[in-house]
N, C-alpha and C. Protein backbone atom coordinates (compact mmCIF):
# COMPACT_ATOMS: atom_id res chain seq x y z
N UNK A 1 0.84 -1.17 0.00
CA UNK A 1 0.00 0.00 0.00
C UNK A 1 0.89 1.24 0.00
N UNK A 2 0.41 2.29 -0.59
CA UNK A 2 1.19 3.52 -0.70
C UNK A 2 1.29 4.23 0.65
N UNK A 3 2.22 5.18 0.75
CA UNK A 3 2.43 5.92 1.99
C UNK A 3 1.26 6.88 2.25
N UNK A 4 0.92 7.01 3.50
CA UNK A 4 -0.09 7.96 3.98
C UNK A 4 -1.47 7.73 3.36
N UNK A 5 -1.75 6.54 2.91
CA UNK A 5 -3.04 6.22 2.32
C UNK A 5 -3.88 5.47 3.34
N UNK A 6 -5.04 6.02 3.66
CA UNK A 6 -5.96 5.40 4.61
C UNK A 6 -7.20 4.95 3.87
N UNK A 7 -7.80 3.87 4.34
CA UNK A 7 -9.02 3.39 3.70
C UNK A 7 -10.05 3.01 4.74
N UNK A 8 -11.31 3.16 4.37
CA UNK A 8 -12.45 2.78 5.19
C UNK A 8 -13.36 1.89 4.36
N UNK A 9 -13.73 0.75 4.92
CA UNK A 9 -14.67 -0.14 4.24
C UNK A 9 -16.07 0.32 4.61
N UNK A 10 -16.82 0.78 3.61
CA UNK A 10 -18.16 1.29 3.84
C UNK A 10 -19.17 0.14 3.86
N UNK A 11 -19.04 -0.76 2.90
CA UNK A 11 -19.98 -1.88 2.79
C UNK A 11 -19.21 -3.10 2.34
N UNK A 12 -19.54 -4.26 2.92
CA UNK A 12 -18.89 -5.51 2.59
C UNK A 12 -19.98 -6.57 2.42
N UNK A 13 -20.07 -7.16 1.23
CA UNK A 13 -21.15 -8.09 0.92
C UNK A 13 -20.57 -9.31 0.21
N UNK A 14 -21.03 -10.49 0.62
CA UNK A 14 -20.60 -11.73 -0.02
C UNK A 14 -21.83 -12.52 -0.45
N UNK A 15 -21.77 -13.07 -1.64
CA UNK A 15 -22.82 -13.94 -2.14
C UNK A 15 -22.28 -15.36 -2.17
N UNK A 16 -23.06 -16.30 -1.65
CA UNK A 16 -22.62 -17.68 -1.57
C UNK A 16 -23.51 -18.59 -2.40
N UNK A 17 -22.94 -19.73 -2.78
CA UNK A 17 -23.72 -20.75 -3.47
C UNK A 17 -24.48 -21.55 -2.42
N UNK A 18 -25.31 -22.47 -2.87
CA UNK A 18 -26.07 -23.30 -1.93
C UNK A 18 -25.16 -24.24 -1.14
N UNK A 19 -23.98 -24.54 -1.68
CA UNK A 19 -23.03 -25.40 -0.97
C UNK A 19 -22.24 -24.64 0.09
N UNK A 20 -22.36 -23.33 0.13
CA UNK A 20 -21.67 -22.51 1.12
C UNK A 20 -20.37 -21.91 0.63
N UNK A 21 -20.07 -22.04 -0.67
CA UNK A 21 -18.86 -21.47 -1.23
C UNK A 21 -19.12 -20.02 -1.64
N UNK A 22 -18.09 -19.18 -1.49
CA UNK A 22 -18.22 -17.77 -1.86
C UNK A 22 -18.15 -17.65 -3.38
N UNK A 23 -19.14 -16.98 -3.96
CA UNK A 23 -19.21 -16.81 -5.41
C UNK A 23 -18.74 -15.41 -5.80
N UNK A 24 -19.22 -14.39 -5.10
CA UNK A 24 -18.87 -13.00 -5.39
C UNK A 24 -18.65 -12.27 -4.07
N UNK A 25 -17.60 -11.45 -4.03
CA UNK A 25 -17.29 -10.63 -2.85
C UNK A 25 -17.24 -9.18 -3.31
N UNK A 26 -18.13 -8.34 -2.77
CA UNK A 26 -18.25 -6.93 -3.18
C UNK A 26 -17.95 -6.04 -1.99
N UNK A 27 -17.03 -5.07 -2.20
CA UNK A 27 -16.68 -4.11 -1.15
C UNK A 27 -16.79 -2.70 -1.71
N UNK A 28 -17.39 -1.79 -0.94
CA UNK A 28 -17.37 -0.36 -1.23
C UNK A 28 -16.37 0.27 -0.28
N UNK A 29 -15.35 0.94 -0.84
CA UNK A 29 -14.22 1.42 -0.06
C UNK A 29 -13.99 2.89 -0.37
N UNK A 30 -13.56 3.66 0.64
CA UNK A 30 -13.15 5.05 0.46
C UNK A 30 -11.68 5.17 0.83
N UNK A 31 -10.86 5.62 -0.13
CA UNK A 31 -9.44 5.87 0.11
C UNK A 31 -9.25 7.36 0.35
N UNK A 32 -8.40 7.72 1.31
CA UNK A 32 -8.12 9.13 1.56
C UNK A 32 -6.63 9.32 1.83
N UNK A 33 -6.13 10.47 1.39
CA UNK A 33 -4.72 10.79 1.55
C UNK A 33 -4.60 12.28 1.82
N UNK A 34 -3.76 12.63 2.78
CA UNK A 34 -3.51 14.04 3.09
C UNK A 34 -2.27 14.48 2.32
N UNK A 35 -2.43 15.49 1.49
CA UNK A 35 -1.32 16.00 0.69
C UNK A 35 -0.45 16.94 1.51
N UNK A 36 0.69 17.33 0.96
CA UNK A 36 1.66 18.17 1.69
C UNK A 36 1.08 19.53 2.04
N UNK A 37 0.20 20.06 1.21
CA UNK A 37 -0.37 21.38 1.49
C UNK A 37 -1.56 21.31 2.45
N UNK A 38 -1.92 20.10 2.93
CA UNK A 38 -2.98 19.96 3.92
C UNK A 38 -4.33 19.58 3.36
N UNK A 39 -4.48 19.56 2.06
CA UNK A 39 -5.76 19.17 1.48
C UNK A 39 -5.90 17.65 1.53
N UNK A 40 -7.15 17.21 1.62
CA UNK A 40 -7.44 15.78 1.71
C UNK A 40 -8.00 15.32 0.36
N UNK A 41 -7.36 14.32 -0.20
CA UNK A 41 -7.77 13.73 -1.47
C UNK A 41 -8.52 12.44 -1.17
N UNK A 42 -9.77 12.31 -1.68
CA UNK A 42 -10.56 11.11 -1.43
C UNK A 42 -10.95 10.46 -2.75
N UNK A 43 -11.08 9.14 -2.68
CA UNK A 43 -11.47 8.36 -3.85
C UNK A 43 -12.40 7.25 -3.39
N UNK A 44 -13.55 7.13 -4.04
CA UNK A 44 -14.52 6.08 -3.73
C UNK A 44 -14.38 4.97 -4.78
N UNK A 45 -14.31 3.73 -4.31
CA UNK A 45 -14.12 2.60 -5.22
C UNK A 45 -15.00 1.43 -4.80
N UNK A 46 -15.30 0.59 -5.77
CA UNK A 46 -16.02 -0.65 -5.51
C UNK A 46 -15.11 -1.78 -5.98
N UNK A 47 -14.79 -2.69 -5.07
CA UNK A 47 -13.92 -3.81 -5.37
C UNK A 47 -14.79 -5.06 -5.49
N UNK A 48 -14.74 -5.69 -6.65
CA UNK A 48 -15.53 -6.90 -6.90
C UNK A 48 -14.57 -8.04 -7.16
N UNK A 49 -14.72 -9.13 -6.41
CA UNK A 49 -13.88 -10.31 -6.57
C UNK A 49 -14.77 -11.48 -6.94
N UNK A 50 -14.50 -12.07 -8.10
CA UNK A 50 -15.22 -13.25 -8.54
C UNK A 50 -14.36 -14.48 -8.26
N UNK A 51 -14.97 -15.52 -7.74
CA UNK A 51 -14.26 -16.76 -7.44
C UNK A 51 -14.72 -17.80 -8.46
N UNK A 52 -13.75 -18.46 -9.09
CA UNK A 52 -14.07 -19.52 -10.05
C UNK A 52 -14.33 -20.80 -9.28
N UNK A 53 -15.59 -21.17 -9.17
CA UNK A 53 -15.99 -22.31 -8.34
C UNK A 53 -15.51 -23.63 -8.95
N UNK A 54 -15.38 -23.69 -10.27
CA UNK A 54 -14.97 -24.93 -10.92
C UNK A 54 -13.52 -25.30 -10.59
N UNK A 55 -12.67 -24.32 -10.32
CA UNK A 55 -11.26 -24.60 -10.05
C UNK A 55 -10.94 -24.81 -8.57
N UNK A 56 -11.92 -24.70 -7.70
CA UNK A 56 -11.67 -24.88 -6.28
C UNK A 56 -11.73 -26.37 -5.95
N UNK A 57 -10.66 -26.86 -5.38
CA UNK A 57 -10.62 -28.26 -4.98
C UNK A 57 -10.89 -28.31 -3.48
N UNK A 58 -12.04 -28.80 -3.10
CA UNK A 58 -12.36 -28.91 -1.69
C UNK A 58 -12.72 -30.36 -1.40
N UNK A 59 -12.52 -30.75 -0.17
CA UNK A 59 -12.77 -32.13 0.24
C UNK A 59 -13.97 -32.15 1.17
N UNK A 60 -14.75 -33.18 1.04
CA UNK A 60 -15.86 -33.39 1.95
C UNK A 60 -15.44 -34.45 2.95
N UNK A 61 -15.64 -34.13 4.20
CA UNK A 61 -15.25 -35.06 5.26
C UNK A 61 -16.50 -35.69 5.86
N UNK A 62 -16.42 -36.97 6.10
CA UNK A 62 -17.51 -37.67 6.78
C UNK A 62 -17.12 -37.86 8.23
N UNK A 63 -18.08 -37.67 9.10
CA UNK A 63 -17.84 -37.84 10.54
C UNK A 63 -18.52 -39.09 11.00
């Protein structure tokens, strides 16, 4: 992460399949940085992470 960069997570949402695996992870984030002259620079972003369910190798355990 860059110097003097702060972030706040505004919203965090995960969508799961019926098996309980994460399919989509969505975050709304605000980045802020204080510049040398004292002004505050802000940036709003949405981070979306898609998980490829077909490539996940998971094991089922029997008890």
